C-alpha atoms as a PDB file:
ATOM      1  CA  MET A   1      -5.756  -0.080  35.948  1.00  0.00           C
ATOM      2  CA  LEU A   2      -7.462  -3.416  36.476  1.00  0.00           C
ATOM      3  CA  LYS A   3      -7.657  -3.487  32.801  1.00  0.00           C
ATOM      4  CA  ASN A   4      -4.004  -2.966  32.350  1.00  0.00           C
ATOM      5  CA  LYS A   5      -2.652  -5.991  34.669  1.00  0.00           C
ATOM      6  CA  PHE A   6      -4.936  -8.293  33.060  1.00  0.00           C
ATOM      7  CA  LYS A   7      -3.774  -7.478  29.581  1.00  0.00           C
ATOM      8  CA  SER A   8      -0.695  -7.812  30.763  1.00  0.00           C
ATOM      9  CA  LEU A   9      -0.804 -11.248  31.497  1.00  0.00           C
ATOM     10  CA  LEU A  10      -2.812 -12.426  28.487  1.00  0.00           C
ATOM     11  CA  GLY A  11      -1.531  -9.954  25.972  1.00  0.00           C
ATOM     12  CA  LEU A  12       1.647  -9.446  24.542  1.00  0.00           C
ATOM     13  CA  SER A  13       4.427  -6.485  24.147  1.00  0.00           C
ATOM     14  CA  GLY A  14       5.929  -4.575  21.398  1.00  0.00           C
ATOM     15  CA  PHE A  15       5.396  -5.723  17.596  1.00  0.00           C
ATOM     16  CA  GLU A  16       3.925  -9.283  18.650  1.00  0.00           C
ATOM     17  CA  VAL A  17       1.197  -7.613  19.371  1.00  0.00           C
ATOM     18  CA  ASP A  18       0.867  -5.826  16.348  1.00  0.00           C
ATOM     19  CA  SER A  19       1.761  -9.142  14.417  1.00  0.00           C
ATOM     20  CA  ARG A  20      -0.633 -11.691  16.394  1.00  0.00           C
ATOM     21  CA  LYS A  21      -3.786  -8.907  16.210  1.00  0.00           C
ATOM     22  CA  MET A  22      -3.446  -7.880  12.698  1.00  0.00           C
ATOM     23  CA  GLY A  23      -3.113 -11.727  12.118  1.00  0.00           C
ATOM     24  CA  SER A  24      -5.708 -12.530  14.366  1.00  0.00           C
ATOM     25  CA  SER A  25      -7.781  -9.555  12.887  1.00  0.00           C
ATOM     26  CA  VAL A  26      -7.819 -11.359   9.104  1.00  0.00           C
ATOM     27  CA  VAL A  27      -8.875 -14.811  10.311  1.00  0.00           C
ATOM     28  CA  TYR A  28     -11.470 -12.995  12.049  1.00  0.00           C
ATOM     29  CA  MET A  29     -12.914 -10.787   8.727  1.00  0.00           C
ATOM     30  CA  SER A  30     -11.763 -13.476   6.306  1.00  0.00           C
ATOM     31  CA  LEU A  31     -13.800 -16.424   7.517  1.00  0.00           C
ATOM     32  CA  PRO A  32     -17.320 -14.873   7.762  1.00  0.00           C
ATOM     33  CA  VAL A  33     -17.056 -13.448   4.064  1.00  0.00           C
ATOM     34  CA  VAL A  34     -16.103 -16.963   3.422  1.00  0.00           C
ATOM     35  CA  TYR A  35     -18.974 -18.295   5.941  1.00  0.00           C
ATOM     36  CA  THR A  36     -21.589 -16.525   3.939  1.00  0.00           C
ATOM     37  CA  ILE A  37     -20.767 -17.396   0.629  1.00  0.00           C
ATOM     38  CA  PHE A  38     -21.628 -21.483   1.794  1.00  0.00           C
ATOM     39  CA  MET A  39     -24.445 -19.953   2.762  1.00  0.00           C
ATOM     40  CA  ILE A  40     -25.546 -18.107   0.373  1.00  0.00           C
ATOM     41  CA  ILE A  41     -24.590 -21.267  -2.094  1.00  0.00           C
ATOM     42  CA  ASP A  42     -26.627 -23.605  -0.587  1.00  0.00           C
ATOM     43  CA  TYR A  43     -29.476 -21.162   0.296  1.00  0.00           C
ATOM     44  CA  ARG A  44     -31.938 -23.687   0.393  1.00  0.00           C
ATOM     45  CA  THR A  45     -30.445 -25.575   3.301  1.00  0.00           C
ATOM     46  CA  PHE A  46     -30.035 -22.103   5.211  1.00  0.00           C
ATOM     47  CA  THR A  47     -33.871 -20.691   4.122  1.00  0.00           C
ATOM     48  CA  GLN A  48     -36.273 -23.575   5.253  1.00  0.00           C
ATOM     49  CA  PHE A  49     -36.827 -22.687   8.262  1.00  0.00           C
ATOM     50  CA  SER A  50     -37.852 -26.316   9.453  1.00  0.00           C
ATOM     51  CA  ASN A  51     -33.912 -26.399   9.452  1.00  0.00           C
ATOM     52  CA  PHE A  52     -33.396 -23.930  11.327  1.00  0.00           C
ATOM     53  CA  ALA A  53     -33.953 -25.930  14.506  1.00  0.00           C
ATOM     54  CA  ARG A  54     -30.734 -28.102  13.744  1.00  0.00           C
ATOM     55  CA  PHE A  55     -27.319 -27.546  15.197  1.00  0.00           C
ATOM     56  CA  ASP A  56     -25.498 -28.333  12.448  1.00  0.00           C
ATOM     57  CA  VAL A  57     -26.813 -26.180  10.041  1.00  0.00           C
ATOM     58  CA  LEU A  58     -26.666 -23.021  13.069  1.00  0.00           C
ATOM     59  CA  VAL A  59     -22.923 -23.808  13.576  1.00  0.00           C
ATOM     60  CA  VAL A  60     -22.733 -21.554  10.475  1.00  0.00           C
ATOM     61  CA  PRO A  61     -24.357 -18.571  11.748  1.00  0.00           C
ATOM     62  CA  PHE A  62     -22.309 -19.232  15.122  1.00  0.00           C
ATOM     63  CA  THR A  63     -18.693 -18.803  13.948  1.00  0.00           C
ATOM     64  CA  ILE A  64     -19.987 -15.879  12.083  1.00  0.00           C
ATOM     65  CA  LEU A  65     -20.529 -14.400  15.420  1.00  0.00           C
ATOM     66  CA  LEU A  66     -17.507 -15.872  16.904  1.00  0.00           C
ATOM     67  CA  CYS A  67     -15.884 -13.958  14.565  1.00  0.00           C
ATOM     68  CA  ILE A  68     -16.939 -11.024  15.487  1.00  0.00           C
ATOM     69  CA  LEU A  69     -16.986 -11.548  18.906  1.00  0.00           C
ATOM     70  CA  CYS A  70     -13.078 -11.949  18.379  1.00  0.00           C
ATOM     71  CA  LEU A  71     -12.786  -8.947  16.220  1.00  0.00           C
ATOM     72  CA  TRP A  72     -14.528  -6.692  19.614  1.00  0.00           C
ATOM     73  CA  LEU A  73     -12.182  -8.405  21.670  1.00  0.00           C
ATOM     74  CA  ASN A  74      -9.074  -7.808  19.223  1.00  0.00           C
ATOM     75  CA  SER A  75     -10.489  -4.328  19.688  1.00  0.00           C
ATOM     76  CA  ILE A  76     -10.356  -3.515  23.079  1.00  0.00           C
ATOM     77  CA  ASP A  77      -6.542  -5.717  23.535  1.00  0.00           C
ATOM     78  CA  TYR A  78      -7.687  -8.884  24.556  1.00  0.00           C
ATOM     79  CA  ILE A  79      -5.263  -9.888  22.279  1.00  0.00           C
ATOM     80  CA  THR A  80      -4.844 -13.504  23.513  1.00  0.00           C
ATOM     81  CA  LEU A  81      -8.233 -14.096  25.053  1.00  0.00           C
ATOM     82  CA  SER A  82      -9.830 -13.835  21.482  1.00  0.00           C
ATOM     83  CA  ARG A  83      -7.139 -15.798  20.227  1.00  0.00           C
ATOM     84  CA  LEU A  84      -7.463 -18.581  22.339  1.00  0.00           C
ATOM     85  CA  LEU A  85     -11.276 -18.422  22.599  1.00  0.00           C
ATOM     86  CA  PHE A  86     -11.127 -18.804  18.584  1.00  0.00           C
ATOM     87  CA  LEU A  87      -8.867 -21.510  18.965  1.00  0.00           C
ATOM     88  CA  CYS A  88     -10.598 -23.529  21.176  1.00  0.00           C
ATOM     89  CA  LEU A  89     -14.024 -23.120  19.946  1.00  0.00           C
ATOM     90  CA  TRP A  90     -13.800 -23.397  16.029  1.00  0.00           C
ATOM     91  CA  PRO A  91     -12.778 -26.697  15.919  1.00  0.00           C
ATOM     92  CA  PHE A  92     -16.071 -27.704  18.113  1.00  0.00           C
ATOM     93  CA  LEU A  93     -18.058 -25.775  16.286  1.00  0.00           C
ATOM     94  CA  LEU A  94     -17.364 -26.523  12.736  1.00  0.00           C
ATOM     95  CA  HIS A  95     -16.141 -30.220  12.957  1.00  0.00           C
ATOM     96  CA  ILE A  96     -17.047 -32.143  16.464  1.00  0.00           C
ATOM     97  CA  ILE A  97     -20.419 -31.047  16.913  1.00  0.00           C
ATOM     98  CA  PRO A  98     -21.161 -31.616  12.682  1.00  0.00           C
ATOM     99  CA  ILE A  99     -19.705 -34.922  13.179  1.00  0.00           C
ATOM    100  CA  TRP A 100     -21.383 -35.633  16.021  1.00  0.00           C
ATOM    101  CA  VAL A 101     -24.524 -34.729  14.842  1.00  0.00           C
ATOM    102  CA  LEU A 102     -24.925 -35.898  11.811  1.00  0.00           C
ATOM    103  CA  ASN A 103     -23.228 -39.578  12.426  1.00  0.00           C
ATOM    104  CA  THR A 104     -19.898 -38.582  10.331  1.00  0.00           C
ATOM    105  CA  PRO A 105     -21.087 -37.494   6.632  1.00  0.00           C
ATOM    106  CA  ILE A 106     -18.787 -38.290   4.300  1.00  0.00           C
ATOM    107  CA  ASP A 107     -17.478 -35.610   3.514  1.00  0.00           C
ATOM    108  CA  TYR A 108     -16.091 -34.770   6.504  1.00  0.00           C
ATOM    109  CA  TYR A 109     -13.950 -38.298   5.634  1.00  0.00           C
ATOM    110  CA  VAL A 110     -11.744 -35.634   3.974  1.00  0.00           C
ATOM    111  CA  VAL A 111     -12.838 -32.301   5.217  1.00  0.00           C
ATOM    112  CA  PHE A 112     -12.431 -33.548   8.676  1.00  0.00           C
ATOM    113  CA  PRO A 113      -8.441 -33.804   8.381  1.00  0.00           C
ATOM    114  CA  MET A 114      -8.472 -31.252   6.439  1.00  0.00           C
ATOM    115  CA  GLY A 115      -9.862 -29.105   8.620  1.00  0.00           C
ATOM    116  CA  ILE A 116      -7.179 -30.159  11.696  1.00  0.00           C
ATOM    117  CA  ILE A 117      -4.459 -29.299   8.866  1.00  0.00           C
ATOM    118  CA  PHE A 118      -6.421 -26.066   8.832  1.00  0.00           C
ATOM    119  CA  HIS A 119      -6.841 -25.197  12.324  1.00  0.00           C
ATOM    120  CA  ALA A 120      -2.939 -26.174  12.553  1.00  0.00           C
ATOM    121  CA  ILE A 121      -2.172 -23.183  10.233  1.00  0.00           C
ATOM    122  CA  LEU A 122      -4.618 -20.919  11.895  1.00  0.00           C
ATOM    123  CA  ILE A 123      -1.992 -21.679  15.528  1.00  0.00           C
ATOM    124  CA  GLN A 124       0.776 -20.821  13.850  1.00  0.00           C
ATOM    125  CA  VAL A 125      -0.585 -17.725  12.141  1.00  0.00           C
ATOM    126  CA  MET A 126      -2.370 -16.259  15.494  1.00  0.00           C
ATOM    127  CA  MET A 127       0.233 -17.419  17.727  1.00  0.00           C
ATOM    128  CA  SER A 128       3.517 -16.313  18.923  1.00  0.00           C
ATOM    129  CA  ARG A 129       6.104 -19.440  19.900  1.00  0.00           C
ATOM    130  CA  LYS A 130       8.761 -16.677  20.629  1.00  0.00           C
ATOM    131  CA  GLN A 131       6.092 -14.512  23.113  1.00  0.00           C
ATOM    132  CA  GLU A 132       3.963 -17.383  24.119  1.00  0.00           C
ATOM    133  CA  PRO A 133       5.914 -20.935  23.786  1.00  0.00           C
ATOM    134  CA  MET A 134       3.763 -22.710  25.980  1.00  0.00           C
ATOM    135  CA  MET A 135       0.108 -22.259  24.381  1.00  0.00           C
ATOM    136  CA  PHE A 136       1.950 -21.795  20.652  1.00  0.00           C
ATOM    137  CA  TRP A 137       3.352 -26.180  21.605  1.00  0.00           C
ATOM    138  CA  VAL A 138       0.450 -27.391  22.976  1.00  0.00           C
ATOM    139  CA  LEU A 139      -1.964 -26.149  20.916  1.00  0.00           C
ATOM    140  CA  LEU A 140      -0.352 -27.148  18.290  1.00  0.00           C
ATOM    141  CA  GLY A 141       0.684 -30.800  20.075  1.00  0.00           C
ATOM    142  CA  LEU A 142      -2.629 -30.835  20.827  1.00  0.00           C
ATOM    143  CA  ASN A 143      -3.856 -30.422  17.004  1.00  0.00           C
ATOM    144  CA  PHE A 144      -1.412 -32.936  15.847  1.00  0.00           C
ATOM    145  CA  LEU A 145      -3.095 -35.486  18.439  1.00  0.00           C
ATOM    146  CA  SER A 146      -6.402 -34.358  17.639  1.00  0.00           C
ATOM    147  CA  LEU A 147      -5.119 -35.647  13.788  1.00  0.00           C
ATOM    148  CA  LEU A 148      -3.756 -39.321  14.375  1.00  0.00           C
ATOM    149  CA  ILE A 149      -7.164 -39.646  16.720  1.00  0.00           C
ATOM    150  CA  SER A 150      -9.316 -38.509  13.637  1.00  0.00           C
ATOM    151  CA  PRO A 151      -9.948 -41.922  11.978  1.00  0.00           C
ATOM    152  CA  GLN A 152     -11.109 -43.242  15.545  1.00  0.00           C
ATOM    153  CA  VAL A 153     -12.833 -39.990  15.780  1.00  0.00           C
ATOM    154  CA  LEU A 154     -14.657 -40.494  12.815  1.00  0.00           C
ATOM    155  CA  ASN A 155     -15.201 -44.656  13.235  1.00  0.00           C
ATOM    156  CA  TYR A 156     -17.375 -43.588  16.322  1.00  0.00           C
ATOM    157  CA  PHE A 157     -19.695 -41.327  15.548  1.00  0.00           C
ATOM    158  CA  VAL A 158     -21.166 -43.543  12.816  1.00  0.00           C
ATOM    159  CA  ALA A 159     -24.652 -44.062  13.047  1.00  0.00           C
ATOM    160  CA  PRO A 160     -25.520 -47.606  14.656  1.00  0.00           C
ATOM    161  CA  GLY A 161     -25.801 -50.424  11.879  1.00  0.00           C
ATOM    162  CA  GLU A 162     -23.896 -48.544   9.581  1.00  0.00           C
ATOM    163  CA  VAL A 163     -20.574 -49.121   8.094  1.00  0.00           C
ATOM    164  CA  PRO A 164     -17.853 -46.616   8.635  1.00  0.00           C
ATOM    165  CA  ASN A 165     -16.203 -45.975   5.315  1.00  0.00           C
ATOM    166  CA  PRO A 166     -13.143 -48.524   5.019  1.00  0.00           C
ATOM    167  CA  LEU A 167     -11.249 -45.426   3.698  1.00  0.00           C
ATOM    168  CA  ILE A 168     -10.693 -44.783   8.114  1.00  0.00           C
ATOM    169  CA  PHE A 169      -8.741 -47.820   7.941  1.00  0.00           C
ATOM    170  CA  ASP A 170      -6.635 -48.148   5.741  1.00  0.00           C
ATOM    171  CA  THR A 171      -2.703 -46.954   6.671  1.00  0.00           C
ATOM    172  CA  TYR A 172      -2.194 -44.966   3.692  1.00  0.00           C
ATOM    173  CA  TYR A 173      -5.060 -42.769   4.811  1.00  0.00           C
ATOM    174  CA  LEU A 174      -3.722 -41.978   8.161  1.00  0.00           C
ATOM    175  CA  LEU A 175       0.207 -41.416   6.637  1.00  0.00           C
ATOM    176  CA  ASP A 176      -1.303 -39.092   4.008  1.00  0.00           C
ATOM    177  CA  ILE A 177      -2.890 -36.803   6.396  1.00  0.00           C
ATOM    178  CA  ILE A 178       0.243 -36.500   7.880  1.00  0.00           C
ATOM    179  CA  LEU A 179       2.320 -35.873   5.234  1.00  0.00           C
ATOM    180  CA  TYR A 180      -0.082 -33.450   4.754  1.00  0.00           C
ATOM    181  CA  TRP A 181      -0.079 -31.956   8.289  1.00  0.00           C
ATOM    182  CA  LEU A 182       3.818 -32.403   7.834  1.00  0.00           C
ATOM    183  CA  LEU A 183       4.332 -31.059   4.275  1.00  0.00           C
ATOM    184  CA  PHE A 184       1.725 -27.134   4.836  1.00  0.00           C
ATOM    185  CA  ASN A 185       2.530 -27.178   8.713  1.00  0.00           C
ATOM    186  CA  LEU A 186       6.204 -26.991   7.543  1.00  0.00           C
ATOM    187  CA  VAL A 187       6.274 -24.215   4.954  1.00  0.00           C
ATOM    188  CA  MET A 188       4.006 -22.424   7.299  1.00  0.00           C
ATOM    189  CA  TYR A 189       6.891 -22.807   9.715  1.00  0.00           C
ATOM    190  CA  TYR A 190      10.069 -21.557   8.063  1.00  0.00           C
ATOM    191  CA  GLY A 191       7.320 -19.185   5.616  1.00  0.00           C
ATOM    192  CA  LEU A 192       6.922 -16.960   9.074  1.00  0.00           C
ATOM    193  CA  LEU A 193      10.480 -17.388   9.807  1.00  0.00           C
ATOM    194  CA  ALA A 194      11.131 -15.602   6.861  1.00  0.00           C
ATOM    195  CA  ILE A 195       8.562 -12.738   6.972  1.00  0.00           C
ATOM    196  CA  GLU A 196       9.838 -11.893  10.524  1.00  0.00           C
ATOM    197  CA  HIS A 197      13.821 -12.238   9.384  1.00  0.00           C
ATOM    198  CA  TYR A 198      12.081  -9.691   6.588  1.00  0.00           C
ATOM    199  CA  ILE A 199      10.698  -7.453   8.868  1.00  0.00           C
ATOM    200  CA  LYS A 200      13.191  -7.968  11.225  1.00  0.00           C
ATOM    201  CA  GLN A 201      15.708  -6.512   8.870  1.00  0.00           C
ATOM    202  CA  VAL A 202      13.083  -3.947   7.932  1.00  0.00           C
ATOM    203  CA  ASN A 203      12.957  -2.585  11.517  1.00  0.00           C
ATOM    204  CA  GLY A 204      16.794  -2.393  11.929  1.00  0.00           C
ATOM    205  CA  ALA A 205      16.937  -0.194   8.659  1.00  0.00           C
ATOM    206  CA  ARG A 206      14.261   2.325   9.932  1.00  0.00           C
ATOM    207  CA  VAL A 207      15.900   2.448  13.388  1.00  0.00           C
ATOM    208  CA  LYS A 208      19.317   3.125  11.717  1.00  0.00           C
ATOM    209  CA  ILE A 209      17.462   5.880   9.148  1.00  0.00           C
ATOM    210  CA  GLU A 210      16.191   6.928  12.597  1.00  0.00           C
ATOM    211  CA  GLN A 211      19.156   7.181  14.339  1.00  0.00           C
ATOM    212  CA  GLN A 212      21.089   8.658  11.535  1.00  0.00           C
ATOM    213  CA  LYS A 213      17.975  11.588  10.863  1.00  0.00           C
ATOM    214  CA  GLU A 214      18.560  12.246  14.630  1.00  0.00           C
ATOM    215  CA  GLU A 215      22.127  12.933  14.366  1.00  0.00           C
ATOM    216  CA  LEU A 216      21.318  14.900  10.655  1.00  0.00           C
ATOM    217  CA  THR A 217      18.959  17.326  13.308  1.00  0.00           C
ATOM    218  CA  GLN A 218      21.893  17.776  15.510  1.00  0.00           C
ATOM    219  CA  LEU A 219      24.719  18.683  12.882  1.00  0.00           C
ATOM    220  CA  ASN A 220      22.190  20.936  11.636  1.00  0.00           C
ATOM    221  CA  GLN A 221      21.638  22.133  14.815  1.00  0.00           C
ATOM    222  CA  ASN A 222      25.188  22.666  15.715  1.00  0.00           C
ATOM    223  CA  LEU A 223      25.532  23.774  12.342  1.00  0.00           C
ATOM    224  CA  GLU A 224      23.233  27.139  12.570  1.00  0.00           C
ATOM    225  CA  LEU A 225      25.160  27.298  16.299  1.00  0.00           C
ATOM    226  CA  MET A 226      28.054  27.954  14.662  1.00  0.00           C
ATOM    227  CA  VAL A 227      26.644  30.033  12.110  1.00  0.00           C
ATOM    228  CA  SER A 228      24.518  32.422  15.037  1.00  0.00           C
ATOM    229  CA  GLU A 229      28.558  32.284  16.720  1.00  0.00           C
ATOM    230  CA  ARG A 230      29.931  33.357  13.552  1.00  0.00           C
ATOM    231  CA  THR A 231      27.430  35.863  12.773  1.00  0.00           C
ATOM    232  CA  LYS A 232      27.999  37.659  16.132  1.00  0.00           C
ATOM    233  CA  THR A 233      31.570  37.761  16.450  1.00  0.00           C
ATOM    234  CA  LEU A 234      31.751  39.788  12.901  1.00  0.00           C
ATOM    235  CA  GLU A 235      28.615  41.865  13.564  1.00  0.00           C
ATOM    236  CA  SER A 236      31.169  42.661  16.815  1.00  0.00           C
ATOM    237  CA  GLN A 237      34.290  43.312  14.581  1.00  0.00           C
ATOM    238  CA  ASN A 238      32.711  45.146  12.507  1.00  0.00           C
ATOM    239  CA  LYS A 239      31.634  47.791  15.179  1.00  0.00           C
ATOM    240  CA  ARG A 240      35.152  47.451  16.251  1.00  0.00           C
ATOM    241  CA  LEU A 241      35.802  49.070  13.176  1.00  0.00           C
ATOM    242  CA  ILE A 242      33.225  51.530  13.210  1.00  0.00           C
ATOM    243  CA  ASN A 243      34.510  52.495  16.425  1.00  0.00           C
ATOM    244  CA  TYR A 244      38.138  52.427  15.501  1.00  0.00           C
ATOM    245  CA  ALA A 245      36.708  54.348  12.391  1.00  0.00           C
ATOM    246  CA  PHE A 246      35.293  57.165  14.089  1.00  0.00           C
ATOM    247  CA  TYR A 247      38.231  57.828  16.655  1.00  0.00           C
ATOM    248  CA  ASN A 248      40.824  57.605  13.758  1.00  0.00           C
ATOM    249  CA  ALA A 249      39.048  60.022  11.251  1.00  0.00           C
ATOM    250  CA  HIS A 250      36.968  62.384  14.205  1.00  0.00           C
ATOM    251  CA  MET A 251      38.439  62.307  17.728  1.00  0.00           C
ATOM    252  CA  LEU A 252      42.364  61.872  17.817  1.00  0.00           C
ATOM    253  CA  ARG A 253      42.219  64.318  14.526  1.00  0.00           C
ATOM    254  CA  ALA A 254      40.940  67.361  16.364  1.00  0.00           C
ATOM    255  CA  PRO A 255      44.017  67.066  19.189  1.00  0.00           C
ATOM    256  CA  PHE A 256      46.046  66.152  16.450  1.00  0.00           C
ATOM    257  CA  CYS A 257      45.145  69.814  14.084  1.00  0.00           C
ATOM    258  CA  ARG A 258      44.960  72.013  17.456  1.00  0.00           C
ATOM    259  CA  ILE A 259      48.542  70.736  18.211  1.00  0.00           C
ATOM    260  CA  GLN A 260      49.830  71.097  15.222  1.00  0.00           C
ATOM    261  CA  GLY A 261      48.729  74.815  14.760  1.00  0.00           C
ATOM    262  CA  LEU A 262      50.496  75.630  18.048  1.00  0.00           C
ATOM    263  CA  VAL A 263      53.223  74.402  16.643  1.00  0.00           C
ATOM    264  CA  GLN A 264      52.915  76.594  14.464  1.00  0.00           C
ATOM    265  CA  LEU A 265      52.391  79.385  16.562  1.00  0.00           C
ATOM    266  CA  ILE A 266      55.013  78.411  18.824  1.00  0.00           C
ATOM    267  CA  GLU A 267      57.644  78.947  16.242  1.00  0.00           C
ATOM    268  CA  LEU A 268      55.840  82.874  15.084  1.00  0.00           C
ATOM    269  CA  THR A 269      55.736  84.349  18.112  1.00  0.00           C
ATOM    270  CA  SER A 270      58.111  85.680  20.412  1.00  0.00           C
ATOM    271  CA  SER A 271      56.714  86.759  23.573  1.00  0.00           C
ATOM    272  CA  ASP A 272      57.368  84.734  26.763  1.00  0.00           C
ATOM    273  CA  ARG A 273      53.828  84.727  28.146  1.00  0.00           C
ATOM    274  CA  ASP A 274      51.821  84.380  24.437  1.00  0.00           C
ATOM    275  CA  ASP A 275      54.637  81.108  24.706  1.00  0.00           C
ATOM    276  CA  LYS A 276      53.621  79.812  28.199  1.00  0.00           C
ATOM    277  CA  GLU A 277      49.970  79.697  27.452  1.00  0.00           C
ATOM    278  CA  MET A 278      50.851  77.874  24.306  1.00  0.00           C
ATOM    279  CA  GLN A 279      52.702  75.358  25.840  1.00  0.00           C
ATOM    280  CA  GLN A 280      49.972  74.871  28.280  1.00  0.00           C
ATOM    281  CA  ARG A 281      47.575  74.239  25.703  1.00  0.00           C
ATOM    282  CA  LEU A 282      49.971  72.086  23.889  1.00  0.00           C
ATOM    283  CA  SER A 283      50.255  69.662  27.077  1.00  0.00           C
ATOM    284  CA  GLU A 284      46.202  69.393  26.967  1.00  0.00           C
ATOM    285  CA  SER A 285      46.335  68.815  23.836  1.00  0.00           C
ATOM    286  CA  VAL A 286      48.682  65.721  24.134  1.00  0.00           C
ATOM    287  CA  VAL A 287      46.909  64.901  27.210  1.00  0.00           C
ATOM    288  CA  GLU A 288      43.791  65.172  24.791  1.00  0.00           C
ATOM    289  CA  MET A 289      45.262  62.778  22.266  1.00  0.00           C
ATOM    290  CA  GLU A 290      46.691  60.377  24.196  1.00  0.00           C
ATOM    291  CA  ASP A 291      43.074  59.556  26.521  1.00  0.00           C
ATOM    292  CA  VAL A 292      42.222  59.038  22.546  1.00  0.00           C
ATOM    293  CA  ILE A 293      44.821  56.831  21.398  1.00  0.00           C
ATOM    294  CA  ASN A 294      43.909  54.852  24.662  1.00  0.00           C
ATOM    295  CA  LYS A 295      40.551  54.403  24.490  1.00  0.00           C
ATOM    296  CA  MET A 296      41.089  53.292  20.168  1.00  0.00           C
ATOM    297  CA  ARG A 297      43.815  50.738  21.923  1.00  0.00           C
ATOM    298  CA  GLN A 298      40.906  49.622  24.208  1.00  0.00           C
ATOM    299  CA  ILE A 299      38.593  49.333  21.669  1.00  0.00           C
ATOM    300  CA  VAL A 300      40.980  46.771  19.394  1.00  0.00           C
ATOM    301  CA  ASN A 301      41.178  45.107  22.899  1.00  0.00           C
ATOM    302  CA  THR A 302      37.836  45.039  23.981  1.00  0.00           C
ATOM    303  CA  GLU A 303      37.035  40.913  24.049  1.00  0.00           C
ATOM    304  CA  PRO A 304      33.512  41.221  22.152  1.00  0.00           C
ATOM    305  CA  GLY A 305      30.532  40.484  24.402  1.00  0.00           C
ATOM    306  CA  GLU A 306      31.866  43.604  25.887  1.00  0.00           C
ATOM    307  CA  LEU A 307      32.401  45.647  23.159  1.00  0.00           C
ATOM    308  CA  ASP A 308      28.269  47.072  23.668  1.00  0.00           C
ATOM    309  CA  ASP A 309      28.914  47.790  27.190  1.00  0.00           C
ATOM    310  CA  PHE A 310      32.260  49.143  26.183  1.00  0.00           C
ATOM    311  CA  SER A 311      30.444  51.444  23.660  1.00  0.00           C
ATOM    312  CA  GLU A 312      27.643  52.517  25.896  1.00  0.00           C
ATOM    313  CA  ASN A 313      30.618  53.827  28.074  1.00  0.00           C
ATOM    314  CA  MET A 314      31.639  56.240  25.324  1.00  0.00           C
END
């Protein structure tokens, strides 16, 4: 319960969880590959035992371990914690510490601004400007501020007695890195907007398809119900016809034939006693015939659901 509460405070919800988790996981898996290749290329530096005490050499494996740690945090859904940890430590491990320890090596006059620009791109990929606007803009603002003071940082850590590279004092040096910061970040910003818009359309289409699928399922169920009801109606009507045909062919014909025979006997008989007996039998046959006709009428008028009960009573 405490874990879920912590995740609700530091995490995201819905689609943002999946997209930011996926984006940060891609970063955590890609960077160790790049750093491993870098260590292989510069294997002499990383295989010398004497270099193990140099912190600027250890930052690369430390960064790989940081990526593995953040990837594990993602796997247990501590997504925001992993991203904040990575975005705060990564610039110090790969930029500030090497500049401090090595007294602003010459390659960092280019690497440092490029790293800041790449860090800004990582912020846009890993953070949500909609769900986490405060963290997003604070991190991006601090990143841009670090870009503005990057010449002063490089100059500050130059070894005593050495002359700083005059490049950092050139006005166009700062203007160029600001230009490229804006260029890459705007391209990334509008690229992410386009991707989010496309994903929104895809999700909308998926929801619409699911709704149509539910509607088709409901229609199929209704159709099956209609077919079932229609089948029951036809079966009931068929039972009516069978019962009606049975009464018409057998039950009704018996009293009819007796009445017909008695009428013929009456015409042939002259005795009053025989006449009374045949009239009595004729009356009984008429009553029986009337009863059969009433039953046939009930068969015709019986409701479908009552037909089985009526057949059993018959």
